[in-house]
Amino acid sequence: MTADPQALRLIRVVQELSMAKDVDRVAEIVRSAARELTGADGATFVLRDGQQCFYRDEDAISPLWKGQRFPLSACISGWAMLNRRSTVIPDIYADSRIPHAAYRPTFVKSLVMVPIRTLEPIGAIGTYWATPHEASEQQVMLLQALADSTSIAMENVQVYAELERRVADRTLQLVEVNQRLQAEMRERERMAAEVRQLSLTDELTGLSNRRGFLLLAERELESARRRGGRCLLLYADLDYLKQANDRFGHAAGDAMLIDAAQLLRSLFRSTDVVARLGGDEFVVLASDYTSSEEVLLRLHRALDTFRRTTGRPLSLSVGLAESGLRGGSGLDTLLQQADSAMYANKCTRHERQQVVNQ
């Protein structure tokens, strides 16, 4: 028994429609299948758009109405949708339902129009002939079967579209949540870095504080040990800070501390560790320097230049300690040695001042 070619073609079309994911693909399948199944000279795929018929696509020997809209009540596709049934018109010019003015520029002499879905139709499929033709019952049945399959395909398209919309919305939500989380993480990292920086920095001078100095200086000492170098620790005490506070207020004392910090920072490299330990005490750990005498000479010259150019009093009592070659003293020892040297220097200067005053 030989299978009906049209039935086989309809089965293939139904399969193709079942896999269609969008209206464009549905229209492409329907326009070609409608013409092929009926042997028509043209076919249109029409969708209902409110109170209008929208001729979405077509396959014909010459142009018909693709892209145009007509009132439901003024075209035969609208009649099929409003009446929810198919119609066969052997002679379009003998039928009052046909808008003759719209058909005259075309090749159409006869047609069949079937609704897509008989319950609340969403569109229609039209087939057209260039010569008078009365469609057979089988042709109408094939077109209606195609229209029924198209109805299911359109519902599937809506489901796919809704699923894609939900996936897109969910993806957008996830992207937004991820962006917020990343922003929160960056803000937390920024705040943590700021807290770490504040915990290692003297608020008044911007130098490292005691904690920051101990952390950075230990690293620098270890680096110097590994490369067989040495470090110089300079311990400086700001003279006359108490007198400035007592006579002119803490603002004057703060200004003096800032002056001292800026001077020390300008004298040493960015790789050296310059810090304010607290109160009037400053400390510097320098590596790869020429000699301790040269460092002291540069400091004294800088102090003289500062006092001469600014007219502001600035004096530092200084003590030095050096780590030995190939290792040397630890940081605690260097601090003690430099502090002792600084105190001895301060006492010597004080004694000399007393002699001068006598």
Protein backbone atom coordinates (compact mmCIF):
# COMPACT_ATOMS: atom_id res chain seq x y z
CA MET A 1 0.00 0.00 0.00
CA THR A 2 1.51 3.34 -1.12
CA ALA A 3 1.35 6.18 1.38
CA ASP A 4 -0.35 9.41 0.34
CA PRO A 5 2.45 11.92 -0.54
CA GLN A 6 0.39 14.82 0.79
CA ALA A 7 -0.22 13.01 4.08
CA LEU A 8 3.50 12.28 4.40
CA ARG A 9 4.28 15.92 3.63
CA LEU A 10 1.77 17.03 6.26
CA ILE A 11 3.39 14.73 8.83
CA ARG A 12 6.80 16.27 8.08
CA VAL A 13 5.33 19.75 8.39
CA VAL A 14 3.77 18.90 11.75
CA GLN A 15 7.17 17.65 12.95
CA GLU A 16 8.87 20.83 11.71
CA LEU A 17 6.27 22.99 13.43
CA SER A 18 6.73 21.10 16.69
CA MET A 19 10.38 22.18 16.70
CA ALA A 20 9.81 25.82 15.73
CA LYS A 21 11.02 28.23 18.43
CA ASP A 22 9.77 31.55 17.05
CA VAL A 23 7.05 33.07 14.88
CA ASP A 24 9.40 33.68 11.96
CA ARG A 25 10.16 29.98 11.71
CA VAL A 26 6.46 29.08 12.00
CA ALA A 27 5.61 31.55 9.23
CA GLU A 28 8.35 30.17 7.00
CA ILE A 29 7.08 26.59 7.42
CA VAL A 30 3.39 27.44 7.01
CA ARG A 31 3.66 29.65 3.92
CA SER A 32 5.62 26.98 2.01
CA ALA A 33 3.57 24.01 3.25
CA ALA A 34 0.21 25.63 2.50
CA ARG A 35 1.18 26.25 -1.11
CA GLU A 36 2.79 22.84 -1.54
CA LEU A 37 -0.08 20.87 0.02
CA THR A 38 -2.73 22.53 -2.19
CA GLY A 39 -0.77 23.24 -5.36
CA ALA A 40 -1.75 26.91 -5.03
CA ASP A 41 -0.04 29.84 -6.74
CA GLY A 42 0.33 31.69 -3.45
CA ALA A 43 -0.15 31.44 0.29
CA THR A 44 -0.29 33.93 3.17
CA PHE A 45 0.26 33.59 6.89
CA VAL A 46 -2.01 36.06 8.69
CA LEU A 47 -2.05 36.92 12.40
CA ARG A 48 -4.72 38.72 14.37
CA ASP A 49 -3.46 42.01 15.79
CA GLY A 50 -6.25 43.43 17.93
CA GLN A 51 -9.00 44.43 15.50
CA GLN A 52 -6.75 44.09 12.49
CA CYS A 53 -5.38 41.35 10.26
CA PHE A 54 -1.61 41.46 9.90
CA TYR A 55 -0.26 39.73 6.78
CA ARG A 56 2.94 38.48 8.40
CA ASP A 57 4.43 36.43 5.57
CA GLU A 58 3.68 35.02 2.12
CA ASP A 59 4.92 32.68 -0.60
CA ALA A 60 3.47 33.55 -4.01
CA ILE A 61 4.21 33.92 -7.72
CA SER A 62 4.02 37.72 -7.26
CA PRO A 63 3.65 40.04 -4.28
CA LEU A 64 0.45 40.02 -2.25
CA TRP A 65 0.02 41.92 1.04
CA LYS A 66 3.05 41.02 3.18
CA GLY A 67 3.54 43.54 6.00
CA GLN A 68 0.13 45.18 5.52
CA ARG A 69 -2.74 45.46 8.00
CA PHE A 70 -6.47 45.50 7.29
CA PRO A 71 -9.52 45.75 9.57
CA LEU A 72 -10.95 42.38 10.59
CA SER A 73 -14.27 43.38 9.10
CA ALA A 74 -12.77 44.41 5.75
CA CYS A 75 -10.90 41.28 4.61
CA ILE A 76 -11.64 37.61 4.11
CA SER A 77 -9.01 36.50 6.63
CA GLY A 78 -10.80 38.63 9.23
CA TRP A 79 -14.10 36.98 8.24
CA ALA A 80 -12.59 33.51 8.80
CA MET A 81 -11.35 34.54 12.24
CA LEU A 82 -14.54 36.30 13.31
CA ASN A 83 -16.74 33.43 12.08
CA ARG A 84 -14.28 30.74 13.20
CA ARG A 85 -14.61 28.67 10.04
CA SER A 86 -12.98 28.15 6.71
CA THR A 87 -14.32 29.45 3.41
CA VAL A 88 -13.82 28.47 -0.24
CA ILE A 89 -14.23 31.23 -2.86
CA PRO A 90 -13.97 30.06 -6.49
CA ASP A 91 -14.46 33.59 -7.89
CA ILE A 92 -13.34 36.46 -5.69
CA TYR A 93 -15.18 39.05 -7.76
CA ALA A 94 -18.48 37.24 -7.22
CA ASP A 95 -18.15 37.36 -3.42
CA SER A 96 -19.18 40.48 -1.46
CA ARG A 97 -16.86 39.62 1.39
CA ILE A 98 -13.79 40.29 -0.76
CA PRO A 99 -12.34 43.84 -0.81
CA HIS A 100 -11.98 43.97 -4.58
CA ALA A 101 -9.77 47.07 -4.57
CA ALA A 102 -7.14 45.22 -2.53
CA TYR A 103 -7.22 42.19 -4.84
CA ARG A 104 -7.27 43.88 -8.27
CA PRO A 105 -3.48 44.57 -8.34
CA THR A 106 -2.80 40.90 -7.60
CA PHE A 107 -2.98 37.67 -9.61
CA VAL A 108 -5.65 36.19 -7.32
CA LYS A 109 -8.82 34.78 -8.88
CA SER A 110 -9.80 32.10 -6.32
CA LEU A 111 -8.89 31.34 -2.72
CA VAL A 112 -9.36 29.25 0.40
CA MET A 113 -9.08 30.83 3.87
CA VAL A 114 -8.94 28.76 7.06
CA PRO A 115 -8.72 30.09 10.63
CA ILE A 116 -5.80 29.19 12.89
CA ARG A 117 -7.66 27.71 15.85
CA THR A 118 -11.46 27.62 15.69
CA LEU A 119 -11.84 28.60 19.33
CA GLU A 120 -10.69 32.23 19.61
CA PRO A 121 -8.71 32.23 16.33
CA ILE A 122 -5.28 33.85 16.44
CA GLY A 123 -4.79 34.04 12.69
CA ALA A 124 -5.57 32.52 9.32
CA ILE A 125 -3.92 30.72 6.40
CA GLY A 126 -4.88 31.76 2.89
CA THR A 127 -4.14 29.98 -0.39
CA TYR A 128 -4.66 31.61 -3.79
CA TRP A 129 -4.92 30.61 -7.43
CA ALA A 130 -4.23 32.70 -10.53
CA THR A 131 -7.03 30.95 -12.45
CA PRO A 132 -10.58 30.13 -11.37
CA HIS A 133 -10.37 27.21 -8.99
CA GLU A 134 -12.72 25.55 -6.55
CA ALA A 135 -10.71 23.86 -3.81
CA SER A 136 -11.56 20.27 -3.07
CA GLU A 137 -12.69 18.99 0.29
CA GLN A 138 -9.33 17.26 0.70
CA GLN A 139 -7.43 20.52 0.07
CA VAL A 140 -9.53 22.29 2.69
CA MET A 141 -9.00 19.42 5.15
CA LEU A 142 -5.23 19.55 4.58
CA LEU A 143 -5.21 23.32 5.13
CA GLN A 144 -7.29 23.00 8.29
CA ALA A 145 -4.98 20.27 9.61
CA LEU A 146 -2.06 22.58 8.87
CA ALA A 147 -3.85 25.43 10.67
CA ASP A 148 -4.53 23.23 13.71
CA SER A 149 -0.85 22.23 13.89
CA THR A 150 0.08 25.88 13.46
CA SER A 151 -2.11 26.77 16.43
CA ILE A 152 -0.20 24.32 18.62
CA ALA A 153 3.12 25.60 17.27
CA MET A 154 2.15 29.19 18.10
CA GLU A 155 1.26 28.16 21.64
CA ASN A 156 4.63 26.43 21.89
CA VAL A 157 6.31 29.61 20.64
CA GLN A 158 4.59 31.55 23.42
CA VAL A 159 5.78 28.96 25.94
CA TYR A 160 9.33 29.16 24.58
CA ALA A 161 9.20 32.94 24.63
CA GLU A 162 7.93 32.95 28.21
CA LEU A 163 10.63 30.49 29.26
CA GLU A 164 13.29 32.57 27.52
CA ARG A 165 11.92 35.70 29.15
CA ARG A 166 12.04 34.04 32.55
CA VAL A 167 15.54 32.77 31.92
CA ALA A 168 16.60 36.25 30.76
CA ASP A 169 14.95 37.87 33.79
CA ARG A 170 16.54 35.34 36.11
CA THR A 171 19.90 35.78 34.43
CA LEU A 172 19.56 39.56 34.78
CA GLN A 173 18.64 39.15 38.44
CA LEU A 174 21.66 36.90 38.99
CA VAL A 175 23.90 39.40 37.19
CA GLU A 176 22.53 42.24 39.34
CA VAL A 177 22.94 40.18 42.52
CA ASN A 178 26.46 39.24 41.47
CA GLN A 179 27.29 42.88 40.71
CA ARG A 180 25.93 43.92 44.11
CA LEU A 181 27.94 41.19 45.82
CA GLN A 182 31.07 42.22 43.95
CA ALA A 183 30.45 45.86 44.83
CA GLU A 184 29.95 44.89 48.47
CA MET A 185 33.12 42.79 48.40
CA ARG A 186 35.09 45.66 46.86
CA GLU A 187 33.68 48.04 49.46
CA ARG A 188 34.55 45.64 52.26
CA GLU A 189 38.04 45.17 50.84
CA ARG A 190 38.41 48.94 50.55
CA MET A 191 37.24 49.43 54.12
CA ALA A 192 39.49 46.62 55.36
CA ALA A 193 42.45 48.15 53.52
CA GLU A 194 41.55 51.53 54.98
CA VAL A 195 41.34 50.05 58.46
CA ARG A 196 44.67 48.29 57.95
CA GLN A 197 46.19 51.51 56.68
CA LEU A 198 44.80 53.48 59.61
CA SER A 199 46.09 50.87 62.02
CA LEU A 200 49.60 51.26 60.56
CA THR A 201 49.61 55.03 59.97
CA ASP A 202 50.03 58.00 62.26
CA GLU A 203 46.96 60.14 61.70
CA LEU A 204 48.65 63.49 62.28
CA THR A 205 51.81 63.13 60.16
CA GLY A 206 50.87 60.42 57.67
CA LEU A 207 54.01 58.47 58.59
CA SER A 208 53.93 54.89 59.75
CA ASN A 209 52.98 54.56 63.41
CA ARG A 210 54.74 52.26 65.90
CA ARG A 211 52.85 49.20 64.69
CA GLY A 212 53.51 50.02 61.05
CA PHE A 213 57.18 50.67 61.73
CA LEU A 214 57.71 47.37 63.56
CA LEU A 215 56.03 45.48 60.70
CA LEU A 216 57.87 47.22 57.84
CA ALA A 217 61.22 47.49 59.61
CA GLU A 218 61.32 43.77 60.41
CA ARG A 219 60.74 43.02 56.72
CA GLU A 220 63.46 45.44 55.65
CA LEU A 221 65.94 44.02 58.16
CA GLU A 222 65.25 40.49 56.96
CA SER A 223 65.67 41.61 53.34
CA ALA A 224 69.01 43.25 54.21
CA ARG A 225 70.17 40.06 55.94
CA ARG A 226 69.32 37.94 52.89
CA ARG A 227 71.29 40.18 50.54
CA GLY A 228 74.19 40.61 53.00
CA GLY A 229 73.54 44.31 53.49
CA ARG A 230 73.24 46.52 56.56
CA CYS A 231 70.71 48.95 57.97
CA LEU A 232 70.96 52.23 59.84
CA LEU A 233 68.40 53.02 62.53
CA LEU A 234 68.00 56.71 63.32
CA TYR A 235 66.11 57.61 66.50
CA ALA A 236 65.09 61.27 66.72
CA ASP A 237 63.44 63.19 69.54
CA LEU A 238 61.76 66.50 68.70
CA ASP A 239 63.15 69.20 71.00
CA TYR A 240 60.96 71.86 72.59
CA LEU A 241 57.63 70.22 71.74
CA LYS A 242 56.39 70.56 75.33
CA GLN A 243 57.37 74.23 75.43
CA ALA A 244 55.49 74.88 72.14
CA ASN A 245 52.38 73.17 73.51
CA ASP A 246 52.56 75.06 76.79
CA ARG A 247 53.17 78.50 75.25
CA PHE A 248 51.16 78.39 72.03
CA GLY A 249 48.75 75.46 72.37
CA HIS A 250 48.61 72.03 70.81
CA ALA A 251 48.07 73.43 67.32
CA ALA A 252 51.59 74.84 67.40
CA GLY A 253 52.93 71.52 68.71
CA ASP A 254 51.12 69.62 65.96
CA ALA A 255 52.57 71.97 63.35
CA MET A 256 56.04 71.28 64.69
CA LEU A 257 55.46 67.51 64.52
CA ILE A 258 54.27 67.83 60.93
CA ASP A 259 57.34 69.91 60.03
CA ALA A 260 59.61 67.23 61.49
CA ALA A 261 57.77 64.47 59.64
CA GLN A 262 57.98 66.27 56.30
CA LEU A 263 61.67 67.00 56.75
CA LEU A 264 62.51 63.37 57.56
CA ARG A 265 60.40 62.11 54.67
CA SER A 266 62.19 64.45 52.27
CA LEU A 267 65.63 63.28 53.41
CA PHE A 268 65.10 59.56 52.98
CA ARG A 269 64.05 57.37 50.08
CA SER A 270 60.58 55.94 49.66
CA THR A 271 62.04 52.49 50.34
CA ASP A 272 63.27 53.59 53.77
CA VAL A 273 60.91 53.22 56.72
CA VAL A 274 60.08 56.57 58.33
CA ALA A 275 57.77 56.54 61.34
CA ARG A 276 56.48 58.46 64.31
CA LEU A 277 56.56 56.16 67.32
CA GLY A 278 54.36 58.50 69.35
CA GLY A 279 54.66 61.78 71.21
CA ASP A 280 57.81 63.56 70.04
CA GLU A 281 59.71 60.44 68.93
CA PHE A 282 60.55 59.62 65.31
CA VAL A 283 62.49 56.74 63.86
CA VAL A 284 63.96 55.87 60.46
CA LEU A 285 65.31 52.55 59.20
CA ALA A 286 67.49 53.11 56.12
CA SER A 287 69.35 50.55 54.05
CA ASP A 288 72.10 50.79 51.44
CA TYR A 289 73.31 54.15 52.78
CA THR A 290 76.84 55.53 52.40
CA SER A 291 77.78 56.18 56.03
CA SER A 292 76.14 57.18 59.30
CA GLU A 293 78.23 60.37 59.36
CA GLU A 294 76.93 61.37 55.93
CA VAL A 295 73.33 60.75 57.05
CA LEU A 296 73.81 62.94 60.15
CA LEU A 297 75.45 65.67 58.09
CA ARG A 298 72.52 65.74 55.63
CA LEU A 299 70.06 65.90 58.52
CA HIS A 300 71.83 68.82 60.24
CA ARG A 301 72.07 70.72 56.95
CA ALA A 302 68.38 70.15 56.29
CA LEU A 303 67.47 71.43 59.77
CA ASP A 304 69.61 74.55 59.28
CA THR A 305 68.06 75.20 55.87
CA PHE A 306 64.54 74.71 57.26
CA ARG A 307 65.07 77.16 60.14
CA ARG A 308 66.68 79.73 57.86
CA THR A 309 64.03 79.61 55.11
CA THR A 310 60.92 79.28 57.29
CA GLY A 311 61.91 81.16 60.43
CA ARG A 312 60.31 78.36 62.46
CA PRO A 313 62.19 76.59 65.24
CA LEU A 314 62.88 72.93 64.59
CA SER A 315 65.44 70.88 66.48
CA LEU A 316 66.03 67.14 66.77
CA SER A 317 68.14 65.12 69.18
CA VAL A 318 69.38 62.10 67.24
CA GLY A 319 70.84 58.70 68.03
CA LEU A 320 72.10 56.09 65.56
CA ALA A 321 72.55 52.33 65.56
CA GLU A 322 73.74 50.08 62.76
CA SER A 323 73.04 46.45 62.01
CA GLY A 324 76.21 44.50 61.34
CA LEU A 325 77.20 42.90 58.13
CA ARG A 326 75.90 39.36 57.51
CA GLY A 327 73.10 39.57 60.03
CA GLY A 328 73.73 41.87 62.93
CA SER A 329 71.42 43.05 65.64
CA GLY A 330 67.68 42.52 65.74
CA LEU A 331 65.21 45.38 65.59
CA ASP A 332 64.62 45.54 69.37
CA THR A 333 68.36 45.80 69.99
CA LEU A 334 68.79 48.48 67.34
CA LEU A 335 65.96 50.50 68.88
CA GLN A 336 67.49 50.27 72.34
CA GLN A 337 70.94 51.25 71.04
CA ALA A 338 69.63 54.18 69.01
CA ASP A 339 67.40 55.35 71.86
CA SER A 340 70.34 55.28 74.26
CA ALA A 341 72.50 57.17 71.77
CA MET A 342 69.73 59.73 71.28
CA TYR A 343 69.34 60.23 75.02
CA ALA A 344 73.10 60.66 75.44
CA ASN A 345 73.09 63.19 72.61
CA LYS A 346 70.23 65.11 74.22
CA CYS A 347 72.00 65.17 77.59
CA THR A 348 75.25 66.35 76.02
CA ARG A 349 73.47 69.13 74.18
CA HIS A 350 71.62 70.13 77.35
CA GLU A 351 74.87 70.31 79.32
CA ARG A 352 76.49 72.41 76.62
CA GLN A 353 73.53 74.75 76.64
CA GLN A 354 73.82 75.16 80.42
CA VAL A 355 77.51 76.04 80.08
CA VAL A 356 76.67 78.61 77.43
CA ASN A 357 73.96 80.12 79.62
CA GLN A 358 76.37 80.43 82.57
